[in-house]
Amino acid sequence: MYEYIKGRLVEKNPAYAVIDCNGVGYYLSISIYTYSKIEEKENCLLFTHLVVREDAHMLFGFADIGERELFRHLISVSGVGVNTARIILSSLNPSEVTQAIVEGNAPMLQRIKGIGTKTAERIIIDLKNKLSRNLIPSEKSGILHNTNREEALSALSILGFPKVLAEKVLNKVIESEGSGLSVEQLIKQALRLL
């Protein structure tokens, strides 16, 4: 029903944000990931998801569309409600959650409060194929269009490393060090991890 809300950030803490949009204050439940993205902003835009229950209407806010889509995927899993999905997105950032699901890393999900073995396995079984098809390209679009990354990937392939492994390592390097590294720096960092 509501795609996003844009306005002045009146109040914020790690659990919620209040946005004044033309004199109307919207209370949005947020994750710690979203809180970290809006922490220093006076004006902001949050993508929304409305949950209508018999006893309440709850509005959830997300820093980006990728986080909202992941939230929607998570709440589609039997046994995962909106609060559990928010805890998951507060414990790990969206790319870490996606990676854990795609790689079938149940122990990583089990470290999150309220996620047991069965729930972690159900999340992986239900979402592994969906996320490997849909979320990874959009989340990593900044990484995929990095020409230095492409040159480094080509060099690592020439050196004999498997392309899939080299891509994963380069993505890790870019996520931890930033996308401003030169081709040489990317290759050196990747070689340390290969």
Foldseek 3Di string as FASTA:
>chain_A
DAFKAKAFFDDDDQQWTWGQGPNDTDIAGEANLQCVVCVPPGIAMWTWDWDDDPVDIHIHTHRDPLLVVQLVLQCVFPPQHNVNSRQQCNVDPSVVVLVCLLVVVLVVSCVGPPADSVNSNSSSVSCNVVSVPPRPCVVCVVVVPQVLLVVLLVVVVVVPDDSVLLNVLLVVCCVVPNSPDGNVVSNVSSVVVD
